[in-house]
Amino acid sequence: MNVEKITELSGHSNPIFTLELSQKPGILFTGGNDKGLVEWNLKDNTFIKVMFPVPTSIYAVHGPVGFPLLFTGLRSGEVLVFDFIKQQLIAPLRTHKAPVFDIKSVRHKKELLIASEDGTVSVWSLETLQLLHTIKVSHDTVRCIAISPNEKQVAFGCRDNSIKIYDLEDYTLIKEITGHTMSVFTLAYAPDGSYLASGARDAQVKIWDAVTYNEVKNIPAHLFAVNHIAFHPTEPYFATASMDKSIKIWGSDDFKLYKNISREKGFPIHRLSINKLGWYDEGTKLLSVSDDKEVVIWKVEF
């Protein structure tokens, strides 16, 4: 496996917490502790514009497939809604009073899920943008959401170290998983739906069987918090990003470490915590964003 740094996209003046690839090929959105959501052109790796200003930090960005909308979750609890048809912000989604940490959508139900520090997940109609349900998931923060590939179950990662599995049909609790010793920061189902991967502040990646939700494997993945797990779209690998300033690429079938992208290994990588990853260009490139204010593009050859 060969990994090579292609370029850095500079322009953010503060840490970058999240990224989202547009449904329009070659467009990237990034947000963080800045004054706006930034749009980039990945065809020539250039800054396009600040999409819109924000009053507080951006922790989550999501563009649901099939809808001309972009949702931006703020530290204030508000979710801004940009309409690409109207080319403007429309009425925001207001129900949370504490930071929004993750936003995902359920395609077959046309619903939007928003996870917050208030311990709840709000469920919205993507067609009407009306609030449908509020699920009380935890007495503490809900940090991340993962939806199973068949869209039958959803997993929520919580600050109380637990993972809660819910039925996506009626939002009833199926199982509570414990195993991490610190906050769960990231969750991702394997593309074939066979297992759920979790990463936490305890620096571990855990693999859970997606039928029984029993622990299959524990990987001592990093030195510090695992901030994000991103499965490759076609090849049997997943990447992890950490507060320890490294990215690691693992086999998604054998769970072996295949690449350690770090300064110790001679890579010109981020100088601070790496917060989010994104595969694009049919999985030939990997994006990373960091507290060091940079977006880095990596070329990955398997």
C-alpha atoms as a PDB file:
ATOM      1  CA  MET A   1       0.000   0.000   0.000  1.00  0.00           C
ATOM      2  CA  ASN A   2       1.398   3.386  -1.016  1.00  0.00           C
ATOM      3  CA  VAL A   3       0.251   6.649   0.536  1.00  0.00           C
ATOM      4  CA  GLU A   4       1.380  10.036  -0.713  1.00  0.00           C
ATOM      5  CA  LYS A   5       0.388  13.546   0.316  1.00  0.00           C
ATOM      6  CA  ILE A   6      -0.997  15.439  -2.677  1.00  0.00           C
ATOM      7  CA  THR A   7      -1.683  18.874  -1.213  1.00  0.00           C
ATOM      8  CA  GLU A   8      -2.996  20.973   1.666  1.00  0.00           C
ATOM      9  CA  LEU A   9      -6.024  23.234   1.440  1.00  0.00           C
ATOM     10  CA  SER A  10      -5.424  26.294   3.600  1.00  0.00           C
ATOM     11  CA  GLY A  11      -7.859  29.016   4.522  1.00  0.00           C
ATOM     12  CA  HIS A  12      -9.482  28.100   7.814  1.00  0.00           C
ATOM     13  CA  SER A  13      -8.363  30.362  10.648  1.00  0.00           C
ATOM     14  CA  ASN A  14      -9.286  27.899  13.424  1.00  0.00           C
ATOM     15  CA  PRO A  15      -9.528  24.125  14.012  1.00  0.00           C
ATOM     16  CA  ILE A  16     -11.595  22.125  11.485  1.00  0.00           C
ATOM     17  CA  PHE A  17     -13.935  19.628  13.121  1.00  0.00           C
ATOM     18  CA  THR A  18     -15.869  18.108  10.240  1.00  0.00           C
ATOM     19  CA  LEU A  19     -16.135  17.575   6.501  1.00  0.00           C
ATOM     20  CA  GLU A  20     -18.805  16.459   4.026  1.00  0.00           C
ATOM     21  CA  LEU A  21     -18.468  15.564   0.371  1.00  0.00           C
ATOM     22  CA  SER A  22     -21.162  17.095  -1.798  1.00  0.00           C
ATOM     23  CA  GLN A  23     -23.514  15.024  -3.949  1.00  0.00           C
ATOM     24  CA  LYS A  24     -22.053  17.109  -6.759  1.00  0.00           C
ATOM     25  CA  PRO A  25     -18.731  15.415  -7.661  1.00  0.00           C
ATOM     26  CA  GLY A  26     -15.577  17.302  -6.775  1.00  0.00           C
ATOM     27  CA  ILE A  27     -17.071  19.547  -4.097  1.00  0.00           C
ATOM     28  CA  LEU A  28     -16.098  19.461  -0.419  1.00  0.00           C
ATOM     29  CA  PHE A  29     -17.576  21.279   2.582  1.00  0.00           C
ATOM     30  CA  THR A  30     -15.628  21.844   5.805  1.00  0.00           C
ATOM     31  CA  GLY A  31     -16.582  23.423   9.105  1.00  0.00           C
ATOM     32  CA  GLY A  32     -15.082  24.080  12.494  1.00  0.00           C
ATOM     33  CA  ASN A  33     -14.333  26.811  14.969  1.00  0.00           C
ATOM     34  CA  ASP A  34     -14.585  29.498  12.258  1.00  0.00           C
ATOM     35  CA  LYS A  35     -17.131  32.029  11.176  1.00  0.00           C
ATOM     36  CA  GLY A  36     -18.556  30.030   8.260  1.00  0.00           C
ATOM     37  CA  LEU A  37     -19.011  26.824   6.286  1.00  0.00           C
ATOM     38  CA  VAL A  38     -16.345  26.570   3.561  1.00  0.00           C
ATOM     39  CA  GLU A  39     -16.765  25.150   0.044  1.00  0.00           C
ATOM     40  CA  TRP A  40     -13.753  23.708  -1.863  1.00  0.00           C
ATOM     41  CA  ASN A  41     -13.188  22.505  -5.424  1.00  0.00           C
ATOM     42  CA  LEU A  42     -11.462  19.099  -5.373  1.00  0.00           C
ATOM     43  CA  LYS A  43     -10.925  19.080  -9.140  1.00  0.00           C
ATOM     44  CA  ASP A  44      -8.255  21.762  -8.894  1.00  0.00           C
ATOM     45  CA  ASN A  45      -7.902  21.821  -5.071  1.00  0.00           C
ATOM     46  CA  THR A  46      -8.973  25.436  -4.632  1.00  0.00           C
ATOM     47  CA  PHE A  47     -11.092  27.485  -2.250  1.00  0.00           C
ATOM     48  CA  ILE A  48     -14.486  28.395  -3.719  1.00  0.00           C
ATOM     49  CA  LYS A  49     -16.257  30.429  -1.063  1.00  0.00           C
ATOM     50  CA  VAL A  50     -17.656  30.677   2.418  1.00  0.00           C
ATOM     51  CA  MET A  51     -21.143  29.235   1.908  1.00  0.00           C
ATOM     52  CA  PHE A  52     -22.734  31.142   4.778  1.00  0.00           C
ATOM     53  CA  PRO A  53     -21.695  32.683   8.107  1.00  0.00           C
ATOM     54  CA  VAL A  54     -22.300  30.890  11.410  1.00  0.00           C
ATOM     55  CA  PRO A  55     -22.620  32.327  14.924  1.00  0.00           C
ATOM     56  CA  THR A  56     -20.861  29.423  16.688  1.00  0.00           C
ATOM     57  CA  SER A  57     -18.650  26.395  15.932  1.00  0.00           C
ATOM     58  CA  ILE A  58     -19.745  23.764  13.405  1.00  0.00           C
ATOM     59  CA  TYR A  59     -19.546  20.177  14.697  1.00  0.00           C
ATOM     60  CA  ALA A  60     -21.520  18.308  12.010  1.00  0.00           C
ATOM     61  CA  VAL A  61     -22.378  18.697   8.305  1.00  0.00           C
ATOM     62  CA  HIS A  62     -24.627  16.364   6.305  1.00  0.00           C
ATOM     63  CA  GLY A  63     -26.032  16.365   2.772  1.00  0.00           C
ATOM     64  CA  PRO A  64     -28.730  13.662   2.440  1.00  0.00           C
ATOM     65  CA  VAL A  65     -28.675  11.773  -0.866  1.00  0.00           C
ATOM     66  CA  GLY A  66     -31.553  12.770  -3.120  1.00  0.00           C
ATOM     67  CA  PHE A  67     -32.355  16.054  -1.364  1.00  0.00           C
ATOM     68  CA  PRO A  68     -30.947  19.467  -2.420  1.00  0.00           C
ATOM     69  CA  LEU A  69     -30.233  20.353   1.209  1.00  0.00           C
ATOM     70  CA  LEU A  70     -27.178  20.711   3.424  1.00  0.00           C
ATOM     71  CA  PHE A  71     -27.575  20.507   7.204  1.00  0.00           C
ATOM     72  CA  THR A  72     -25.040  22.161   9.506  1.00  0.00           C
ATOM     73  CA  GLY A  73     -25.088  21.375  13.219  1.00  0.00           C
ATOM     74  CA  LEU A  74     -23.832  24.084  15.543  1.00  0.00           C
ATOM     75  CA  ARG A  75     -22.461  24.298  19.049  1.00  0.00           C
ATOM     76  CA  SER A  76     -25.574  26.294  19.961  1.00  0.00           C
ATOM     77  CA  GLY A  77     -27.839  23.308  19.199  1.00  0.00           C
ATOM     78  CA  GLU A  78     -29.272  24.932  16.093  1.00  0.00           C
ATOM     79  CA  VAL A  79     -29.134  23.158  12.719  1.00  0.00           C
ATOM     80  CA  LEU A  80     -28.830  25.475   9.718  1.00  0.00           C
ATOM     81  CA  VAL A  81     -30.444  24.346   6.453  1.00  0.00           C
ATOM     82  CA  PHE A  82     -29.022  25.440   3.093  1.00  0.00           C
ATOM     83  CA  ASP A  83     -31.292  24.935   0.073  1.00  0.00           C
ATOM     84  CA  PHE A  84     -29.256  24.455  -3.133  1.00  0.00           C
ATOM     85  CA  ILE A  85     -32.273  25.190  -5.353  1.00  0.00           C
ATOM     86  CA  LYS A  86     -32.941  28.532  -3.676  1.00  0.00           C
ATOM     87  CA  GLN A  87     -29.193  29.044  -3.053  1.00  0.00           C
ATOM     88  CA  GLN A  88     -29.874  30.323   0.438  1.00  0.00           C
ATOM     89  CA  LEU A  89     -30.421  29.361   4.050  1.00  0.00           C
ATOM     90  CA  ILE A  90     -34.012  28.477   4.900  1.00  0.00           C
ATOM     91  CA  ALA A  91     -35.628  28.149   8.348  1.00  0.00           C
ATOM     92  CA  PRO A  92     -33.249  26.389  10.766  1.00  0.00           C
ATOM     93  CA  LEU A  93     -34.153  23.275  12.765  1.00  0.00           C
ATOM     94  CA  ARG A  94     -34.496  24.308  16.385  1.00  0.00           C
ATOM     95  CA  THR A  95     -35.157  21.796  19.127  1.00  0.00           C
ATOM     96  CA  HIS A  96     -31.786  21.151  20.800  1.00  0.00           C
ATOM     97  CA  LYS A  97     -30.418  23.650  23.299  1.00  0.00           C
ATOM     98  CA  ALA A  98     -26.995  21.971  23.527  1.00  0.00           C
ATOM     99  CA  PRO A  99     -24.339  21.257  20.853  1.00  0.00           C
ATOM    100  CA  VAL A 100     -25.209  19.042  17.870  1.00  0.00           C
ATOM    101  CA  PHE A 101     -22.453  16.460  17.298  1.00  0.00           C
ATOM    102  CA  ASP A 102     -23.727  14.307  14.428  1.00  0.00           C
ATOM    103  CA  ILE A 103     -26.346  14.308  11.660  1.00  0.00           C
ATOM    104  CA  LYS A 104     -27.310  11.332   9.475  1.00  0.00           C
ATOM    105  CA  SER A 105     -30.246  10.442   7.193  1.00  0.00           C
ATOM    106  CA  VAL A 106     -32.317   7.309   6.615  1.00  0.00           C
ATOM    107  CA  ARG A 107     -32.931   7.095   2.871  1.00  0.00           C
ATOM    108  CA  HIS A 108     -35.896   4.709   2.750  1.00  0.00           C
ATOM    109  CA  LYS A 109     -37.792   6.610   5.455  1.00  0.00           C
ATOM    110  CA  LYS A 110     -36.677  10.050   4.249  1.00  0.00           C
ATOM    111  CA  GLU A 111     -35.812  10.995   7.799  1.00  0.00           C
ATOM    112  CA  LEU A 112     -33.025  13.009   9.369  1.00  0.00           C
ATOM    113  CA  LEU A 113     -31.419  12.099  12.711  1.00  0.00           C
ATOM    114  CA  ILE A 114     -29.687  14.747  14.843  1.00  0.00           C
ATOM    115  CA  ALA A 115     -27.592  13.800  17.896  1.00  0.00           C
ATOM    116  CA  SER A 116     -26.966  16.283  20.688  1.00  0.00           C
ATOM    117  CA  GLU A 117     -25.151  16.900  23.934  1.00  0.00           C
ATOM    118  CA  ASP A 118     -28.572  17.007  25.609  1.00  0.00           C
ATOM    119  CA  GLY A 119     -28.726  13.177  25.419  1.00  0.00           C
ATOM    120  CA  THR A 120     -31.446  13.087  22.774  1.00  0.00           C
ATOM    121  CA  VAL A 121     -31.682  12.325  19.075  1.00  0.00           C
ATOM    122  CA  SER A 122     -34.305  14.272  17.165  1.00  0.00           C
ATOM    123  CA  VAL A 123     -35.968  12.724  14.102  1.00  0.00           C
ATOM    124  CA  TRP A 124     -37.153  15.006  11.280  1.00  0.00           C
ATOM    125  CA  SER A 125     -38.987  14.539   8.003  1.00  0.00           C
ATOM    126  CA  LEU A 126     -36.708  15.374   5.076  1.00  0.00           C
ATOM    127  CA  GLU A 127     -39.736  16.235   2.964  1.00  0.00           C
ATOM    128  CA  THR A 128     -41.468  18.667   5.345  1.00  0.00           C
ATOM    129  CA  LEU A 129     -38.588  19.463   7.746  1.00  0.00           C
ATOM    130  CA  GLN A 130     -40.998  18.881  10.619  1.00  0.00           C
ATOM    131  CA  LEU A 131     -39.965  17.288  13.914  1.00  0.00           C
ATOM    132  CA  LEU A 132     -41.353  13.735  14.109  1.00  0.00           C
ATOM    133  CA  HIS A 133     -39.873  12.247  17.297  1.00  0.00           C
ATOM    134  CA  THR A 134     -37.374  12.880  20.034  1.00  0.00           C
ATOM    135  CA  ILE A 135     -35.549   9.844  21.405  1.00  0.00           C
ATOM    136  CA  LYS A 136     -34.080  10.067  24.893  1.00  0.00           C
ATOM    137  CA  VAL A 137     -30.958   7.983  24.288  1.00  0.00           C
ATOM    138  CA  SER A 138     -28.762   8.894  27.242  1.00  0.00           C
ATOM    139  CA  HIS A 139     -28.539  11.031  30.365  1.00  0.00           C
ATOM    140  CA  ASP A 140     -25.366  12.420  28.756  1.00  0.00           C
ATOM    141  CA  THR A 141     -24.085  13.453  25.307  1.00  0.00           C
ATOM    142  CA  VAL A 142     -24.863  11.470  22.149  1.00  0.00           C
ATOM    143  CA  ARG A 143     -21.668  11.909  20.101  1.00  0.00           C
ATOM    144  CA  CYS A 144     -22.161   9.868  16.939  1.00  0.00           C
ATOM    145  CA  ILE A 145     -24.633   7.987  14.747  1.00  0.00           C
ATOM    146  CA  ALA A 146     -24.193   4.984  12.434  1.00  0.00           C
ATOM    147  CA  ILE A 147     -26.961   3.518  10.281  1.00  0.00           C
ATOM    148  CA  SER A 148     -26.730  -0.122   9.207  1.00  0.00           C
ATOM    149  CA  PRO A 149     -26.418  -0.647   5.425  1.00  0.00           C
ATOM    150  CA  ASN A 150     -29.856  -2.305   5.261  1.00  0.00           C
ATOM    151  CA  GLU A 151     -31.306   0.644   7.235  1.00  0.00           C
ATOM    152  CA  LYS A 152     -32.925  -1.632   9.809  1.00  0.00           C
ATOM    153  CA  GLN A 153     -30.884  -0.498  12.795  1.00  0.00           C
ATOM    154  CA  VAL A 154     -29.128   2.594  14.048  1.00  0.00           C
ATOM    155  CA  ALA A 155     -26.297   2.831  16.576  1.00  0.00           C
ATOM    156  CA  PHE A 156     -25.671   5.799  18.840  1.00  0.00           C
ATOM    157  CA  GLY A 157     -22.329   6.356  20.584  1.00  0.00           C
ATOM    158  CA  CYS A 158     -22.496   8.143  23.929  1.00  0.00           C
ATOM    159  CA  ARG A 159     -20.295  10.048  26.296  1.00  0.00           C
ATOM    160  CA  ASP A 160     -21.192   7.578  29.086  1.00  0.00           C
ATOM    161  CA  ASN A 161     -19.032   4.989  27.191  1.00  0.00           C
ATOM    162  CA  SER A 162     -22.072   3.067  25.915  1.00  0.00           C
ATOM    163  CA  ILE A 163     -23.414   2.270  22.453  1.00  0.00           C
ATOM    164  CA  LYS A 164     -27.196   2.036  22.054  1.00  0.00           C
ATOM    165  CA  ILE A 165     -28.736   0.053  19.184  1.00  0.00           C
ATOM    166  CA  TYR A 166     -32.246   1.053  18.078  1.00  0.00           C
ATOM    167  CA  ASP A 167     -34.745  -0.417  15.621  1.00  0.00           C
ATOM    168  CA  LEU A 168     -35.098   2.070  12.748  1.00  0.00           C
ATOM    169  CA  GLU A 169     -38.710   1.089  12.112  1.00  0.00           C
ATOM    170  CA  ASP A 170     -40.155   2.234  15.430  1.00  0.00           C
ATOM    171  CA  TYR A 171     -37.085   3.624  17.265  1.00  0.00           C
ATOM    172  CA  THR A 172     -37.273   1.082  20.086  1.00  0.00           C
ATOM    173  CA  LEU A 173     -34.119   0.150  21.987  1.00  0.00           C
ATOM    174  CA  ILE A 174     -32.725  -3.246  20.918  1.00  0.00           C
ATOM    175  CA  LYS A 175     -29.512  -3.428  22.909  1.00  0.00           C
ATOM    176  CA  GLU A 176     -27.091  -1.437  25.005  1.00  0.00           C
ATOM    177  CA  ILE A 177     -23.419  -2.302  24.469  1.00  0.00           C
ATOM    178  CA  THR A 178     -20.696  -1.569  26.988  1.00  0.00           C
ATOM    179  CA  GLY A 179     -16.997  -2.190  26.575  1.00  0.00           C
ATOM    180  CA  HIS A 180     -15.256   1.124  26.028  1.00  0.00           C
ATOM    181  CA  THR A 181     -13.876   2.780  29.143  1.00  0.00           C
ATOM    182  CA  MET A 182     -14.302   6.349  27.841  1.00  0.00           C
ATOM    183  CA  SER A 183     -16.625   8.334  25.525  1.00  0.00           C
ATOM    184  CA  VAL A 184     -17.532   6.736  22.194  1.00  0.00           C
ATOM    185  CA  PHE A 185     -16.572   9.263  19.500  1.00  0.00           C
ATOM    186  CA  THR A 186     -17.197   7.387  16.248  1.00  0.00           C
ATOM    187  CA  LEU A 187     -19.249   4.481  14.872  1.00  0.00           C
ATOM    188  CA  ALA A 188     -19.327   2.861  11.430  1.00  0.00           C
ATOM    189  CA  TYR A 189     -20.978  -0.273  10.088  1.00  0.00           C
ATOM    190  CA  ALA A 190     -18.932  -2.430   7.718  1.00  0.00           C
ATOM    191  CA  PRO A 191     -20.230  -1.948   4.143  1.00  0.00           C
ATOM    192  CA  ASP A 192     -21.509  -5.552   4.090  1.00  0.00           C
ATOM    193  CA  GLY A 193     -23.350  -4.968   7.376  1.00  0.00           C
ATOM    194  CA  SER A 194     -21.607  -7.837   9.175  1.00  0.00           C
ATOM    195  CA  TYR A 195     -20.214  -5.786  12.035  1.00  0.00           C
ATOM    196  CA  LEU A 196     -20.141  -2.407  13.750  1.00  0.00           C
ATOM    197  CA  ALA A 197     -16.817  -0.669  14.431  1.00  0.00           C
ATOM    198  CA  SER A 198     -16.531   1.795  17.300  1.00  0.00           C
ATOM    199  CA  GLY A 199     -13.755   4.202  18.269  1.00  0.00           C
ATOM    200  CA  ALA A 200     -13.468   6.000  21.565  1.00  0.00           C
ATOM    201  CA  ARG A 201     -11.554   8.383  23.733  1.00  0.00           C
ATOM    202  CA  ASP A 202      -9.898   5.314  25.281  1.00  0.00           C
ATOM    203  CA  ALA A 203      -7.859   4.965  22.000  1.00  0.00           C
ATOM    204  CA  GLN A 204      -9.428   1.579  21.241  1.00  0.00           C
ATOM    205  CA  VAL A 205     -11.312   0.381  18.160  1.00  0.00           C
ATOM    206  CA  LYS A 206     -13.816  -2.359  18.954  1.00  0.00           C
ATOM    207  CA  ILE A 207     -15.513  -4.676  16.474  1.00  0.00           C
ATOM    208  CA  TRP A 208     -19.060  -5.840  17.330  1.00  0.00           C
ATOM    209  CA  ASP A 209     -21.013  -8.581  15.569  1.00  0.00           C
ATOM    210  CA  ALA A 210     -24.005  -6.851  13.924  1.00  0.00           C
ATOM    211  CA  VAL A 211     -26.443  -9.657  14.822  1.00  0.00           C
ATOM    212  CA  THR A 212     -25.602 -10.382  18.460  1.00  0.00           C
ATOM    213  CA  TYR A 213     -23.617  -7.183  19.134  1.00  0.00           C
ATOM    214  CA  ASN A 214     -21.097  -9.278  21.023  1.00  0.00           C
ATOM    215  CA  GLU A 215     -17.534  -7.988  20.930  1.00  0.00           C
ATOM    216  CA  VAL A 216     -15.544  -9.755  18.196  1.00  0.00           C
ATOM    217  CA  LYS A 217     -12.233  -7.941  18.554  1.00  0.00           C
ATOM    218  CA  ASN A 218     -10.523  -5.129  20.398  1.00  0.00           C
ATOM    219  CA  ILE A 219      -7.817  -3.200  18.561  1.00  0.00           C
ATOM    220  CA  PRO A 220      -5.469  -0.976  20.608  1.00  0.00           C
ATOM    221  CA  ALA A 221      -5.509   1.386  17.655  1.00  0.00           C
ATOM    222  CA  HIS A 222      -3.949   4.663  18.766  1.00  0.00           C
ATOM    223  CA  LEU A 223      -2.163   6.452  21.610  1.00  0.00           C
ATOM    224  CA  PHE A 224      -5.027   8.895  22.170  1.00  0.00           C
ATOM    225  CA  ALA A 225      -8.699   9.251  21.238  1.00  0.00           C
ATOM    226  CA  VAL A 226     -10.002   7.692  18.025  1.00  0.00           C
ATOM    227  CA  ASN A 227     -11.964  10.550  16.450  1.00  0.00           C
ATOM    228  CA  HIS A 228     -13.234   8.927  13.247  1.00  0.00           C
ATOM    229  CA  ILE A 229     -13.548   5.602  11.418  1.00  0.00           C
ATOM    230  CA  ALA A 230     -14.092   5.607   7.633  1.00  0.00           C
ATOM    231  CA  PHE A 231     -14.580   2.428   5.601  1.00  0.00           C
ATOM    232  CA  HIS A 232     -13.180   2.338   2.077  1.00  0.00           C
ATOM    233  CA  PRO A 233     -16.056   2.287  -0.473  1.00  0.00           C
ATOM    234  CA  THR A 234     -14.831  -0.784  -2.386  1.00  0.00           C
ATOM    235  CA  GLU A 235     -11.620  -2.264  -0.928  1.00  0.00           C
ATOM    236  CA  PRO A 236     -11.424  -4.288   2.346  1.00  0.00           C
ATOM    237  CA  TYR A 237      -9.947  -1.514   4.478  1.00  0.00           C
ATOM    238  CA  PHE A 238     -10.945   1.171   6.943  1.00  0.00           C
ATOM    239  CA  ALA A 239      -9.078   4.268   8.105  1.00  0.00           C
ATOM    240  CA  THR A 240      -8.937   5.709  11.606  1.00  0.00           C
ATOM    241  CA  ALA A 241      -8.104   9.285  12.618  1.00  0.00           C
ATOM    242  CA  SER A 242      -6.788  10.146  16.041  1.00  0.00           C
ATOM    243  CA  MET A 243      -5.979  12.853  18.503  1.00  0.00           C
ATOM    244  CA  ASP A 244      -2.436  11.391  18.388  1.00  0.00           C
ATOM    245  CA  LYS A 245      -1.974  13.150  14.981  1.00  0.00           C
ATOM    246  CA  SER A 246      -1.923   9.934  12.951  1.00  0.00           C
ATOM    247  CA  ILE A 247      -4.107   8.166  10.405  1.00  0.00           C
ATOM    248  CA  LYS A 248      -4.012   4.382  10.280  1.00  0.00           C
ATOM    249  CA  ILE A 249      -5.362   2.063   7.593  1.00  0.00           C
ATOM    250  CA  TRP A 250      -6.551  -1.378   8.704  1.00  0.00           C
ATOM    251  CA  GLY A 251      -7.807  -4.489   6.960  1.00  0.00           C
ATOM    252  CA  SER A 252     -11.573  -4.663   7.356  1.00  0.00           C
ATOM    253  CA  ASP A 253     -11.458  -8.461   7.019  1.00  0.00           C
ATOM    254  CA  ASP A 254      -8.330  -9.347   9.045  1.00  0.00           C
ATOM    255  CA  PHE A 255      -8.073  -6.196  11.262  1.00  0.00           C
ATOM    256  CA  LYS A 256      -4.322  -5.962  10.628  1.00  0.00           C
ATOM    257  CA  LEU A 257      -2.542  -2.605  10.433  1.00  0.00           C
ATOM    258  CA  TYR A 258      -1.487  -1.892   6.838  1.00  0.00           C
ATOM    259  CA  LYS A 259      -0.385   1.742   7.033  1.00  0.00           C
ATOM    260  CA  ASN A 260       0.594   4.135   9.799  1.00  0.00           C
ATOM    261  CA  ILE A 261       0.487   7.657   8.384  1.00  0.00           C
ATOM    262  CA  SER A 262       2.372   9.591  11.043  1.00  0.00           C
ATOM    263  CA  ARG A 263       5.358  11.886  11.534  1.00  0.00           C
ATOM    264  CA  GLU A 264       7.178   8.989  13.200  1.00  0.00           C
ATOM    265  CA  LYS A 265       6.894   7.111   9.891  1.00  0.00           C
ATOM    266  CA  GLY A 266       8.139  10.112   7.900  1.00  0.00           C
ATOM    267  CA  PHE A 267       4.827  11.425   6.566  1.00  0.00           C
ATOM    268  CA  PRO A 268       4.206  15.209   6.291  1.00  0.00           C
ATOM    269  CA  ILE A 269       1.004  14.924   8.295  1.00  0.00           C
ATOM    270  CA  HIS A 270      -1.071  17.223  10.512  1.00  0.00           C
ATOM    271  CA  ARG A 271       0.571  18.781  13.541  1.00  0.00           C
ATOM    272  CA  LEU A 272      -2.498  18.489  15.798  1.00  0.00           C
ATOM    273  CA  SER A 273      -5.513  16.227  16.378  1.00  0.00           C
ATOM    274  CA  ILE A 274      -7.033  14.721  13.201  1.00  0.00           C
ATOM    275  CA  ASN A 275     -10.791  14.992  13.500  1.00  0.00           C
ATOM    276  CA  LYS A 276     -12.468  13.602  10.370  1.00  0.00           C
ATOM    277  CA  LEU A 277     -11.726  11.570   7.242  1.00  0.00           C
ATOM    278  CA  GLY A 278     -13.408  11.108   3.874  1.00  0.00           C
ATOM    279  CA  TRP A 279     -12.688   8.764   0.953  1.00  0.00           C
ATOM    280  CA  TYR A 280     -13.388  10.158  -2.510  1.00  0.00           C
ATOM    281  CA  ASP A 281     -12.503   9.788  -6.187  1.00  0.00           C
ATOM    282  CA  GLU A 282     -13.637   6.146  -6.059  1.00  0.00           C
ATOM    283  CA  GLY A 283     -11.526   5.569  -2.975  1.00  0.00           C
ATOM    284  CA  THR A 284      -8.226   6.586  -4.572  1.00  0.00           C
ATOM    285  CA  LYS A 285      -7.937   9.635  -2.321  1.00  0.00           C
ATOM    286  CA  LEU A 286      -8.412  10.263   1.381  1.00  0.00           C
ATOM    287  CA  LEU A 287      -9.250  13.636   2.959  1.00  0.00           C
ATOM    288  CA  SER A 288      -8.306  14.577   6.509  1.00  0.00           C
ATOM    289  CA  VAL A 289      -9.103  17.667   8.588  1.00  0.00           C
ATOM    290  CA  SER A 290      -7.428  18.759  11.783  1.00  0.00           C
ATOM    291  CA  ASP A 291      -7.131  21.162  14.674  1.00  0.00           C
ATOM    292  CA  ASP A 292      -4.117  22.546  12.759  1.00  0.00           C
ATOM    293  CA  LYS A 293      -6.609  24.347  10.414  1.00  0.00           C
ATOM    294  CA  GLU A 294      -5.544  22.344   7.327  1.00  0.00           C
ATOM    295  CA  VAL A 295      -7.369  20.031   4.934  1.00  0.00           C
ATOM    296  CA  VAL A 296      -4.937  17.413   3.603  1.00  0.00           C
ATOM    297  CA  ILE A 297      -5.493  15.266   0.495  1.00  0.00           C
ATOM    298  CA  TRP A 298      -3.768  11.876   0.357  1.00  0.00           C
ATOM    299  CA  LYS A 299      -3.349   9.586  -2.649  1.00  0.00           C
ATOM    300  CA  VAL A 300      -3.796   5.946  -1.601  1.00  0.00           C
ATOM    301  CA  GLU A 301      -2.782   3.020  -3.821  1.00  0.00           C
ATOM    302  CA  PHE A 302      -3.701  -0.510  -2.713  1.00  0.00           C
END
